[in-house]
Amino acid sequence: MTIGGEQFEVLSAVIFAIGVYGLLARRHPLGVAIAIGLLFAAPVIAIVGFTHAEQGPTIGIGDGLAAFAIVAGSCICSLAFTLVVLLWRRTERADIDALGDLEGEG
């Protein structure tokens, strides 16, 4: 049994759909940050899957792009976790609705 580009495409679409659901349904900023991480992981799965399924001379390009995307995604997620901690310290609660309470604070 060989895994082809179609399986990677389906897996990427499922991961992306879970990320979109998490982004829309979560109220806690930590859950939103994890959902954004899933949204960044879905295209990486697709890139690596398509380059490995093709079996051509460009097989290293997908791995290089995936490494770059993982580093960029982890930097963005660490920034999101930092913002969650800052929100927690300012409002004493970690809820997306607490962001509206910060208007006018300086």
PDB file of N, CA and C in Angstrom:
ATOM      1  N   MET A   1       0.840  -1.172   0.000  1.00  0.00           N
ATOM      2  CA  MET A   1       0.000   0.000   0.000  1.00  0.00           C
ATOM      3  C   MET A   1       0.891   1.243   0.000  1.00  0.00           C
ATOM      4  N   THR A   2       0.676   2.104  -0.951  1.00  0.00           N
ATOM      5  CA  THR A   2       1.467   3.302  -1.096  1.00  0.00           C
ATOM      6  C   THR A   2       0.620   4.525  -0.753  1.00  0.00           C
ATOM      7  N   ILE A   3       1.232   5.433  -0.036  1.00  0.00           N
ATOM      8  CA  ILE A   3       0.543   6.673   0.304  1.00  0.00           C
ATOM      9  C   ILE A   3       0.852   7.685  -0.786  1.00  0.00           C
ATOM     10  N   GLY A   4      -0.179   8.222  -1.391  1.00  0.00           N
ATOM     11  CA  GLY A   4      -0.008   9.175  -2.481  1.00  0.00           C
ATOM     12  C   GLY A   4      -0.387  10.586  -2.071  1.00  0.00           C
ATOM     13  N   GLY A   5      -0.432  11.446  -3.055  1.00  0.00           N
ATOM     14  CA  GLY A   5      -0.760  12.838  -2.819  1.00  0.00           C
ATOM     15  C   GLY A   5      -2.177  13.047  -2.331  1.00  0.00           C
ATOM     16  N   GLU A   6      -3.081  12.148  -2.710  1.00  0.00           N
ATOM     17  CA  GLU A   6      -4.480  12.300  -2.300  1.00  0.00           C
ATOM     18  C   GLU A   6      -4.648  12.139  -0.793  1.00  0.00           C
ATOM     19  N   GLN A   7      -3.909  11.187  -0.212  1.00  0.00           N
ATOM     20  CA  GLN A   7      -4.011  10.986   1.231  1.00  0.00           C
ATOM     21  C   GLN A   7      -3.470  12.185   1.998  1.00  0.00           C
ATOM     22  N   PHE A   8      -2.366  12.752   1.498  1.00  0.00           N
ATOM     23  CA  PHE A   8      -1.826  13.947   2.145  1.00  0.00           C
ATOM     24  C   PHE A   8      -2.783  15.123   2.004  1.00  0.00           C
ATOM     25  N   GLU A   9      -3.446  15.198   0.860  1.00  0.00           N
ATOM     26  CA  GLU A   9      -4.415  16.277   0.639  1.00  0.00           C
ATOM     27  C   GLU A   9      -5.586  16.172   1.609  1.00  0.00           C
ATOM     28  N   VAL A  10      -6.090  14.965   1.805  1.00  0.00           N
ATOM     29  CA  VAL A  10      -7.210  14.751   2.732  1.00  0.00           C
ATOM     30  C   VAL A  10      -6.778  15.050   4.166  1.00  0.00           C
ATOM     31  N   LEU A  11      -5.591  14.565   4.547  1.00  0.00           N
ATOM     32  CA  LEU A  11      -5.096  14.825   5.896  1.00  0.00           C
ATOM     33  C   LEU A  11      -4.913  16.317   6.141  1.00  0.00           C
ATOM     34  N   SER A  12      -4.363  17.015   5.157  1.00  0.00           N
ATOM     35  CA  SER A  12      -4.173  18.456   5.280  1.00  0.00           C
ATOM     36  C   SER A  12      -5.509  19.184   5.406  1.00  0.00           C
ATOM     37  N   ALA A  13      -6.497  18.772   4.625  1.00  0.00           N
ATOM     38  CA  ALA A  13      -7.815  19.405   4.689  1.00  0.00           C
ATOM     39  C   ALA A  13      -8.490  19.153   6.038  1.00  0.00           C
ATOM     40  N   VAL A  14      -8.336  17.952   6.585  1.00  0.00           N
ATOM     41  CA  VAL A  14      -8.937  17.636   7.882  1.00  0.00           C
ATOM     42  C   VAL A  14      -8.272  18.463   8.991  1.00  0.00           C
ATOM     43  N   ILE A  15      -6.943  18.541   8.977  1.00  0.00           N
ATOM     44  CA  ILE A  15      -6.229  19.337   9.978  1.00  0.00           C
ATOM     45  C   ILE A  15      -6.623  20.810   9.873  1.00  0.00           C
ATOM     46  N   PHE A  16      -6.747  21.314   8.643  1.00  0.00           N
ATOM     47  CA  PHE A  16      -7.145  22.706   8.445  1.00  0.00           C
ATOM     48  C   PHE A  16      -8.564  22.943   8.956  1.00  0.00           C
ATOM     49  N   ALA A  17      -9.479  21.998   8.692  1.00  0.00           N
ATOM     50  CA  ALA A  17     -10.867  22.141   9.157  1.00  0.00           C
ATOM     51  C   ALA A  17     -10.939  22.128  10.686  1.00  0.00           C
ATOM     52  N   ILE A  18     -10.137  21.287  11.334  1.00  0.00           N
ATOM     53  CA  ILE A  18     -10.098  21.262  12.796  1.00  0.00           C
ATOM     54  C   ILE A  18      -9.569  22.598  13.328  1.00  0.00           C
ATOM     55  N   GLY A  19      -8.574  23.161  12.655  1.00  0.00           N
ATOM     56  CA  GLY A  19      -8.032  24.455  13.062  1.00  0.00           C
ATOM     57  C   GLY A  19      -9.047  25.573  12.916  1.00  0.00           C
ATOM     58  N   VAL A  20      -9.802  25.572  11.814  1.00  0.00           N
ATOM     59  CA  VAL A  20     -10.831  26.602  11.616  1.00  0.00           C
ATOM     60  C   VAL A  20     -11.924  26.464  12.668  1.00  0.00           C
ATOM     61  N   TYR A  21     -12.343  25.230  12.951  1.00  0.00           N
ATOM     62  CA  TYR A  21     -13.350  25.019  13.987  1.00  0.00           C
ATOM     63  C   TYR A  21     -12.846  25.503  15.348  1.00  0.00           C
ATOM     64  N   GLY A  22     -11.598  25.183  15.672  1.00  0.00           N
ATOM     65  CA  GLY A  22     -11.032  25.624  16.936  1.00  0.00           C
ATOM     66  C   GLY A  22     -10.921  27.132  17.023  1.00  0.00           C
ATOM     67  N   LEU A  23     -10.638  27.768  15.908  1.00  0.00           N
ATOM     68  CA  LEU A  23     -10.525  29.220  15.885  1.00  0.00           C
ATOM     69  C   LEU A  23     -11.879  29.896  16.092  1.00  0.00           C
ATOM     70  N   LEU A  24     -12.926  29.302  15.519  1.00  0.00           N
ATOM     71  CA  LEU A  24     -14.256  29.908  15.621  1.00  0.00           C
ATOM     72  C   LEU A  24     -14.994  29.534  16.901  1.00  0.00           C
ATOM     73  N   ALA A  25     -14.723  28.353  17.454  1.00  0.00           N
ATOM     74  CA  ALA A  25     -15.513  27.865  18.583  1.00  0.00           C
ATOM     75  C   ALA A  25     -14.882  28.158  19.940  1.00  0.00           C
ATOM     76  N   ARG A  26     -13.601  28.389  20.002  1.00  0.00           N
ATOM     77  CA  ARG A  26     -12.929  28.567  21.290  1.00  0.00           C
ATOM     78  C   ARG A  26     -13.105  29.977  21.826  1.00  0.00           C
ATOM     79  N   ARG A  27     -13.198  30.075  23.144  1.00  0.00           N
ATOM     80  CA  ARG A  27     -13.263  31.373  23.807  1.00  0.00           C
ATOM     81  C   ARG A  27     -11.968  31.662  24.561  1.00  0.00           C
ATOM     82  N   HIS A  28     -11.221  30.636  24.876  1.00  0.00           N
ATOM     83  CA  HIS A  28      -9.976  30.799  25.612  1.00  0.00           C
ATOM     84  C   HIS A  28      -8.842  31.094  24.623  1.00  0.00           C
ATOM     85  N   PRO A  29      -8.026  32.098  24.892  1.00  0.00           N
ATOM     86  CA  PRO A  29      -6.969  32.462  23.943  1.00  0.00           C
ATOM     87  C   PRO A  29      -5.940  31.366  23.712  1.00  0.00           C
ATOM     88  N   LEU A  30      -5.722  30.515  24.707  1.00  0.00           N
ATOM     89  CA  LEU A  30      -4.776  29.419  24.522  1.00  0.00           C
ATOM     90  C   LEU A  30      -5.295  28.419  23.489  1.00  0.00           C
ATOM     91  N   GLY A  31      -6.588  28.136  23.528  1.00  0.00           N
ATOM     92  CA  GLY A  31      -7.192  27.265  22.522  1.00  0.00           C
ATOM     93  C   GLY A  31      -7.150  27.879  21.135  1.00  0.00           C
ATOM     94  N   VAL A  32      -7.316  29.195  21.076  1.00  0.00           N
ATOM     95  CA  VAL A  32      -7.235  29.892  19.796  1.00  0.00           C
ATOM     96  C   VAL A  32      -5.810  29.812  19.247  1.00  0.00           C
ATOM     97  N   ALA A  33      -4.813  29.960  20.124  1.00  0.00           N
ATOM     98  CA  ALA A  33      -3.420  29.864  19.685  1.00  0.00           C
ATOM     99  C   ALA A  33      -3.088  28.463  19.177  1.00  0.00           C
ATOM    100  N   ILE A  34      -3.617  27.446  19.825  1.00  0.00           N
ATOM    101  CA  ILE A  34      -3.397  26.075  19.363  1.00  0.00           C
ATOM    102  C   ILE A  34      -4.081  25.854  18.020  1.00  0.00           C
ATOM    103  N   ALA A  35      -5.264  26.419  17.844  1.00  0.00           N
ATOM    104  CA  ALA A  35      -5.966  26.304  16.567  1.00  0.00           C
ATOM    105  C   ALA A  35      -5.188  27.003  15.447  1.00  0.00           C
ATOM    106  N   ILE A  36      -4.578  28.138  15.753  1.00  0.00           N
ATOM    107  CA  ILE A  36      -3.754  28.821  14.756  1.00  0.00           C
ATOM    108  C   ILE A  36      -2.539  27.970  14.403  1.00  0.00           C
ATOM    109  N   GLY A  37      -1.982  27.284  15.392  1.00  0.00           N
ATOM    110  CA  GLY A  37      -0.884  26.350  15.113  1.00  0.00           C
ATOM    111  C   GLY A  37      -1.305  25.242  14.165  1.00  0.00           C
ATOM    112  N   LEU A  38      -2.526  24.740  14.325  1.00  0.00           N
ATOM    113  CA  LEU A  38      -3.038  23.731  13.400  1.00  0.00           C
ATOM    114  C   LEU A  38      -3.232  24.302  11.997  1.00  0.00           C
ATOM    115  N   LEU A  39      -3.667  25.560  11.932  1.00  0.00           N
ATOM    116  CA  LEU A  39      -3.822  26.196  10.622  1.00  0.00           C
ATOM    117  C   LEU A  39      -2.475  26.344   9.916  1.00  0.00           C
ATOM    118  N   PHE A  40      -1.404  26.543  10.669  1.00  0.00           N
ATOM    119  CA  PHE A  40      -0.077  26.613  10.061  1.00  0.00           C
ATOM    120  C   PHE A  40       0.451  25.223   9.692  1.00  0.00           C
ATOM    121  N   ALA A  41       0.035  24.187  10.402  1.00  0.00           N
ATOM    122  CA  ALA A  41       0.541  22.844  10.138  1.00  0.00           C
ATOM    123  C   ALA A  41      -0.071  22.217   8.888  1.00  0.00           C
ATOM    124  N   ALA A  42      -1.292  22.585   8.554  1.00  0.00           N
ATOM    125  CA  ALA A  42      -1.981  21.958   7.417  1.00  0.00           C
ATOM    126  C   ALA A  42      -1.263  22.172   6.086  1.00  0.00           C
ATOM    127  N   PRO A  43      -0.851  23.391   5.724  1.00  0.00           N
ATOM    128  CA  PRO A  43      -0.129  23.532   4.454  1.00  0.00           C
ATOM    129  C   PRO A  43       1.233  22.854   4.458  1.00  0.00           C
ATOM    130  N   VAL A  44       1.861  22.757   5.629  1.00  0.00           N
ATOM    131  CA  VAL A  44       3.154  22.072   5.704  1.00  0.00           C
ATOM    132  C   VAL A  44       2.978  20.597   5.355  1.00  0.00           C
ATOM    133  N   ILE A  45       1.917  19.990   5.864  1.00  0.00           N
ATOM    134  CA  ILE A  45       1.634  18.589   5.534  1.00  0.00           C
ATOM    135  C   ILE A  45       1.403  18.438   4.042  1.00  0.00           C
ATOM    136  N   ALA A  46       0.679  19.370   3.444  1.00  0.00           N
ATOM    137  CA  ALA A  46       0.402  19.296   2.007  1.00  0.00           C
ATOM    138  C   ALA A  46       1.679  19.461   1.187  1.00  0.00           C
ATOM    139  N   ILE A  47       2.535  20.409   1.557  1.00  0.00           N
ATOM    140  CA  ILE A  47       3.773  20.637   0.808  1.00  0.00           C
ATOM    141  C   ILE A  47       4.670  19.409   0.849  1.00  0.00           C
ATOM    142  N   VAL A  48       4.878  18.873   2.036  1.00  0.00           N
ATOM    143  CA  VAL A  48       5.745  17.701   2.164  1.00  0.00           C
ATOM    144  C   VAL A  48       5.126  16.499   1.464  1.00  0.00           C
ATOM    145  N   GLY A  49       3.831  16.336   1.593  1.00  0.00           N
ATOM    146  CA  GLY A  49       3.169  15.202   0.949  1.00  0.00           C
ATOM    147  C   GLY A  49       3.256  15.235  -0.564  1.00  0.00           C
ATOM    148  N   PHE A  50       3.020  16.401  -1.145  1.00  0.00           N
ATOM    149  CA  PHE A  50       3.059  16.504  -2.598  1.00  0.00           C
ATOM    150  C   PHE A  50       4.473  16.343  -3.148  1.00  0.00           C
ATOM    151  N   THR A  51       5.476  16.860  -2.449  1.00  0.00           N
ATOM    152  CA  THR A  51       6.834  16.706  -2.956  1.00  0.00           C
ATOM    153  C   THR A  51       7.333  15.275  -2.814  1.00  0.00           C
ATOM    154  N   HIS A  52       6.907  14.569  -1.774  1.00  0.00           N
ATOM    155  CA  HIS A  52       7.328  13.176  -1.620  1.00  0.00           C
ATOM    156  C   HIS A  52       6.543  12.238  -2.531  1.00  0.00           C
ATOM    157  N   ALA A  53       5.333  12.597  -2.867  1.00  0.00           N
ATOM    158  CA  ALA A  53       4.533  11.745  -3.747  1.00  0.00           C
ATOM    159  C   ALA A  53       4.988  11.845  -5.194  1.00  0.00           C
ATOM    160  N   GLU A  54       5.648  12.924  -5.546  1.00  0.00           N
ATOM    161  CA  GLU A  54       6.041  13.144  -6.936  1.00  0.00           C
ATOM    162  C   GLU A  54       7.284  12.344  -7.333  1.00  0.00           C
ATOM    163  N   GLN A  55       8.200  12.044  -6.401  1.00  0.00           N
ATOM    164  CA  GLN A  55       9.411  11.252  -6.652  1.00  0.00           C
ATOM    165  C   GLN A  55      10.294  11.873  -7.722  1.00  0.00           C
ATOM    166  N   GLY A  56      10.407  13.177  -7.719  1.00  0.00           N
ATOM    167  CA  GLY A  56      11.232  13.859  -8.703  1.00  0.00           C
ATOM    168  C   GLY A  56      12.488  14.426  -8.071  1.00  0.00           C
ATOM    169  N   PRO A  57      13.219  15.258  -8.828  1.00  0.00           N
ATOM    170  CA  PRO A  57      14.450  15.838  -8.293  1.00  0.00           C
ATOM    171  C   PRO A  57      14.202  16.951  -7.281  1.00  0.00           C
ATOM    172  N   THR A  58      12.957  17.385  -7.110  1.00  0.00           N
ATOM    173  CA  THR A  58      12.644  18.470  -6.172  1.00  0.00           C
ATOM    174  C   THR A  58      12.238  17.955  -4.801  1.00  0.00           C
ATOM    175  N   ILE A  59      12.672  16.745  -4.442  1.00  0.00           N
ATOM    176  CA  ILE A  59      12.209  16.142  -3.195  1.00  0.00           C
ATOM    177  C   ILE A  59      12.728  16.891  -1.966  1.00  0.00           C
ATOM    178  N   GLY A  60      13.874  17.559  -2.040  1.00  0.00           N
ATOM    179  CA  GLY A  60      14.404  18.290  -0.897  1.00  0.00           C
ATOM    180  C   GLY A  60      13.758  19.644  -0.688  1.00  0.00           C
ATOM    181  N   ILE A  61      13.108  20.174  -1.703  1.00  0.00           N
ATOM    182  CA  ILE A  61      12.485  21.493  -1.586  1.00  0.00           C
ATOM    183  C   ILE A  61      11.341  21.468  -0.579  1.00  0.00           C
ATOM    184  N   GLY A  62      10.526  20.447  -0.614  1.00  0.00           N
ATOM    185  CA  GLY A  62       9.401  20.351   0.325  1.00  0.00           C
ATOM    186  C   GLY A  62       9.864  20.250   1.760  1.00  0.00           C
ATOM    187  N   ASP A  63      10.949  19.501   1.997  1.00  0.00           N
ATOM    188  CA  ASP A  63      11.468  19.388   3.357  1.00  0.00           C
ATOM    189  C   ASP A  63      12.041  20.706   3.848  1.00  0.00           C
ATOM    190  N   GLY A  64      12.716  21.421   2.966  1.00  0.00           N
ATOM    191  CA  GLY A  64      13.262  22.725   3.345  1.00  0.00           C
ATOM    192  C   GLY A  64      12.167  23.735   3.651  1.00  0.00           C
ATOM    193  N   LEU A  65      11.137  23.758   2.802  1.00  0.00           N
ATOM    194  CA  LEU A  65      10.011  24.652   3.053  1.00  0.00           C
ATOM    195  C   LEU A  65       9.286  24.272   4.340  1.00  0.00           C
ATOM    196  N   ALA A  66       9.176  22.981   4.608  1.00  0.00           N
ATOM    197  CA  ALA A  66       8.510  22.537   5.826  1.00  0.00           C
ATOM    198  C   ALA A  66       9.295  22.952   7.062  1.00  0.00           C
ATOM    199  N   ALA A  67      10.619  22.837   7.018  1.00  0.00           N
ATOM    200  CA  ALA A  67      11.438  23.254   8.156  1.00  0.00           C
ATOM    201  C   ALA A  67      11.288  24.755   8.400  1.00  0.00           C
ATOM    202  N   PHE A  68      11.300  25.535   7.329  1.00  0.00           N
ATOM    203  CA  PHE A  68      11.119  26.979   7.462  1.00  0.00           C
ATOM    204  C   PHE A  68       9.738  27.309   8.020  1.00  0.00           C
ATOM    205  N   ALA A  69       8.697  26.627   7.542  1.00  0.00           N
ATOM    206  CA  ALA A  69       7.337  26.888   8.009  1.00  0.00           C
ATOM    207  C   ALA A  69       7.156  26.479   9.469  1.00  0.00           C
ATOM    208  N   ILE A  70       7.808  25.405   9.889  1.00  0.00           N
ATOM    209  CA  ILE A  70       7.703  24.976  11.285  1.00  0.00           C
ATOM    210  C   ILE A  70       8.370  25.994  12.204  1.00  0.00           C
ATOM    211  N   VAL A  71       9.521  26.512  11.794  1.00  0.00           N
ATOM    212  CA  VAL A  71      10.198  27.530  12.607  1.00  0.00           C
ATOM    213  C   VAL A  71       9.351  28.804  12.681  1.00  0.00           C
ATOM    214  N   ALA A  72       8.810  29.235  11.549  1.00  0.00           N
ATOM    215  CA  ALA A  72       7.980  30.441  11.541  1.00  0.00           C
ATOM    216  C   ALA A  72       6.709  30.234  12.361  1.00  0.00           C
ATOM    217  N   GLY A  73       6.084  29.083  12.243  1.00  0.00           N
ATOM    218  CA  GLY A  73       4.873  28.792  13.012  1.00  0.00           C
ATOM    219  C   GLY A  73       5.129  28.732  14.505  1.00  0.00           C
ATOM    220  N   SER A  74       6.258  28.155  14.906  1.00  0.00           N
ATOM    221  CA  SER A  74       6.550  28.093  16.338  1.00  0.00           C
ATOM    222  C   SER A  74       6.867  29.483  16.890  1.00  0.00           C
ATOM    223  N   CYS A  75       7.475  30.348  16.090  1.00  0.00           N
ATOM    224  CA  CYS A  75       7.702  31.736  16.531  1.00  0.00           C
ATOM    225  C   CYS A  75       6.376  32.465  16.713  1.00  0.00           C
ATOM    226  N   ILE A  76       5.459  32.269  15.795  1.00  0.00           N
ATOM    227  CA  ILE A  76       4.156  32.929  15.900  1.00  0.00           C
ATOM    228  C   ILE A  76       3.373  32.393  17.095  1.00  0.00           C
ATOM    229  N   CYS A  77       3.427  31.090  17.328  1.00  0.00           N
ATOM    230  CA  CYS A  77       2.716  30.514  18.476  1.00  0.00           C
ATOM    231  C   CYS A  77       3.324  30.970  19.798  1.00  0.00           C
ATOM    232  N   SER A  78       4.653  31.109  19.849  1.00  0.00           N
ATOM    233  CA  SER A  78       5.259  31.601  21.087  1.00  0.00           C
ATOM    234  C   SER A  78       4.864  33.056  21.343  1.00  0.00           C
ATOM    235  N   LEU A  79       4.725  33.847  20.292  1.00  0.00           N
ATOM    236  CA  LEU A  79       4.237  35.223  20.445  1.00  0.00           C
ATOM    237  C   LEU A  79       2.786  35.224  20.934  1.00  0.00           C
ATOM    238  N   ALA A  80       1.973  34.298  20.418  1.00  0.00           N
ATOM    239  CA  ALA A  80       0.576  34.208  20.863  1.00  0.00           C
ATOM    240  C   ALA A  80       0.500  33.809  22.341  1.00  0.00           C
ATOM    241  N   PHE A  81       1.346  32.872  22.779  1.00  0.00           N
ATOM    242  CA  PHE A  81       1.345  32.488  24.187  1.00  0.00           C
ATOM    243  C   PHE A  81       1.797  33.645  25.074  1.00  0.00           C
ATOM    244  N   THR A  82       2.724  34.441  24.579  1.00  0.00           N
ATOM    245  CA  THR A  82       3.152  35.620  25.323  1.00  0.00           C
ATOM    246  C   THR A  82       2.003  36.610  25.476  1.00  0.00           C
ATOM    247  N   LEU A  83       1.243  36.808  24.419  1.00  0.00           N
ATOM    248  CA  LEU A  83       0.095  37.711  24.490  1.00  0.00           C
ATOM    249  C   LEU A  83      -0.981  37.183  25.428  1.00  0.00           C
ATOM    250  N   VAL A  84      -1.153  35.864  25.496  1.00  0.00           N
ATOM    251  CA  VAL A  84      -2.119  35.277  26.429  1.00  0.00           C
ATOM    252  C   VAL A  84      -1.699  35.555  27.868  1.00  0.00           C
ATOM    253  N   VAL A  85      -0.411  35.410  28.155  1.00  0.00           N
ATOM    254  CA  VAL A  85       0.079  35.690  29.512  1.00  0.00           C
ATOM    255  C   VAL A  85      -0.094  37.169  29.844  1.00  0.00           C
ATOM    256  N   LEU A  86       0.169  38.044  28.886  1.00  0.00           N
ATOM    257  CA  LEU A  86      -0.027  39.472  29.103  1.00  0.00           C
ATOM    258  C   LEU A  86      -1.497  39.796  29.347  1.00  0.00           C
ATOM    259  N   LEU A  87      -2.398  39.170  28.600  1.00  0.00           N
ATOM    260  CA  LEU A  87      -3.833  39.354  28.808  1.00  0.00           C
ATOM    261  C   LEU A  87      -4.246  38.877  30.193  1.00  0.00           C
ATOM    262  N   TRP A  88      -3.703  37.739  30.613  1.00  0.00           N
ATOM    263  CA  TRP A  88      -4.011  37.189  31.928  1.00  0.00           C
ATOM    264  C   TRP A  88      -3.564  38.145  33.027  1.00  0.00           C
ATOM    265  N   ARG A  89      -2.399  38.720  32.893  1.00  0.00           N
ATOM    266  CA  ARG A  89      -1.889  39.627  33.921  1.00  0.00           C
ATOM    267  C   ARG A  89      -2.664  40.939  33.970  1.00  0.00           C
ATOM    268  N   ARG A  90      -3.135  41.412  32.834  1.00  0.00           N
ATOM    269  CA  ARG A  90      -3.832  42.698  32.798  1.00  0.00           C
ATOM    270  C   ARG A  90      -5.274  42.607  33.265  1.00  0.00           C
ATOM    271  N   THR A  91      -5.962  41.503  32.944  1.00  0.00           N
ATOM    272  CA  THR A  91      -7.392  41.425  33.212  1.00  0.00           C
ATOM    273  C   THR A  91      -7.756  40.401  34.286  1.00  0.00           C
ATOM    274  N   GLU A  92      -6.802  39.611  34.754  1.00  0.00           N
ATOM    275  CA  GLU A  92      -7.041  38.553  35.737  1.00  0.00           C
ATOM    276  C   GLU A  92      -7.971  37.457  35.216  1.00  0.00           C
ATOM    277  N   ARG A  93      -8.172  37.411  33.935  1.00  0.00           N
ATOM    278  CA  ARG A  93      -8.930  36.322  33.325  1.00  0.00           C
ATOM    279  C   ARG A  93      -8.415  36.134  31.907  1.00  0.00           C
ATOM    280  N   ALA A  94      -8.554  34.926  31.425  1.00  0.00           N
ATOM    281  CA  ALA A  94      -8.091  34.629  30.066  1.00  0.00           C
ATOM    282  C   ALA A  94      -9.309  34.273  29.230  1.00  0.00           C
ATOM    283  N   ASP A  95      -9.903  35.285  28.655  1.00  0.00           N
ATOM    284  CA  ASP A  95     -11.074  35.099  27.812  1.00  0.00           C
ATOM    285  C   ASP A  95     -10.966  36.088  26.664  1.00  0.00           C
ATOM    286  N   ILE A  96     -11.449  35.676  25.521  1.00  0.00           N
ATOM    287  CA  ILE A  96     -11.394  36.552  24.351  1.00  0.00           C
ATOM    288  C   ILE A  96     -12.192  37.840  24.613  1.00  0.00           C
ATOM    289  N   ASP A  97     -13.262  37.739  25.384  1.00  0.00           N
ATOM    290  CA  ASP A  97     -14.076  38.917  25.693  1.00  0.00           C
ATOM    291  C   ASP A  97     -13.310  39.935  26.538  1.00  0.00           C
ATOM    292  N   ALA A  98     -12.259  39.493  27.231  1.00  0.00           N
ATOM    293  CA  ALA A  98     -11.456  40.405  28.057  1.00  0.00           C
ATOM    294  C   ALA A  98     -10.672  41.383  27.188  1.00  0.00           C
ATOM    295  N   LEU A  99     -10.491  41.072  25.938  1.00  0.00           N
ATOM    296  CA  LEU A  99      -9.785  41.994  25.052  1.00  0.00           C
ATOM    297  C   LEU A  99     -10.553  43.298  24.867  1.00  0.00           C
ATOM    298  N   GLY A 100     -11.880  43.249  24.905  1.00  0.00           N
ATOM    299  CA  GLY A 100     -12.687  44.453  24.800  1.00  0.00           C
ATOM    300  C   GLY A 100     -12.552  45.358  26.014  1.00  0.00           C
ATOM    301  N   ASP A 101     -12.199  44.786  27.172  1.00  0.00           N
ATOM    302  CA  ASP A 101     -12.023  45.576  28.383  1.00  0.00           C
ATOM    303  C   ASP A 101     -10.738  46.381  28.355  1.00  0.00           C
ATOM    304  N   LEU A 102      -9.819  46.068  27.464  1.00  0.00           N
ATOM    305  CA  LEU A 102      -8.531  46.744  27.418  1.00  0.00           C
ATOM    306  C   LEU A 102      -8.572  48.039  26.626  1.00  0.00           C
ATOM    307  N   GLU A 103      -9.679  48.340  25.987  1.00  0.00           N
ATOM    308  CA  GLU A 103      -9.779  49.574  25.213  1.00  0.00           C
ATOM    309  C   GLU A 103      -9.664  50.765  26.145  1.00  0.00           C
ATOM    310  N   GLY A 104      -8.848  51.719  25.777  1.00  0.00           N
ATOM    311  CA  GLY A 104      -8.704  52.915  26.569  1.00  0.00           C
ATOM    312  C   GLY A 104      -7.653  52.830  27.646  1.00  0.00           C
ATOM    313  N   GLU A 105      -7.125  51.620  27.926  1.00  0.00           N
ATOM    314  CA  GLU A 105      -6.061  51.510  28.919  1.00  0.00           C
ATOM    315  C   GLU A 105      -4.758  51.924  28.279  1.00  0.00           C
ATOM    316  N   GLY A 106      -3.929  52.562  29.024  1.00  0.00           N
ATOM    317  CA  GLY A 106      -2.668  53.005  28.439  1.00  0.00           C
ATOM    318  C   GLY A 106      -1.485  52.779  29.288  1.00  0.00           C
TER     319      GLY A 106
END
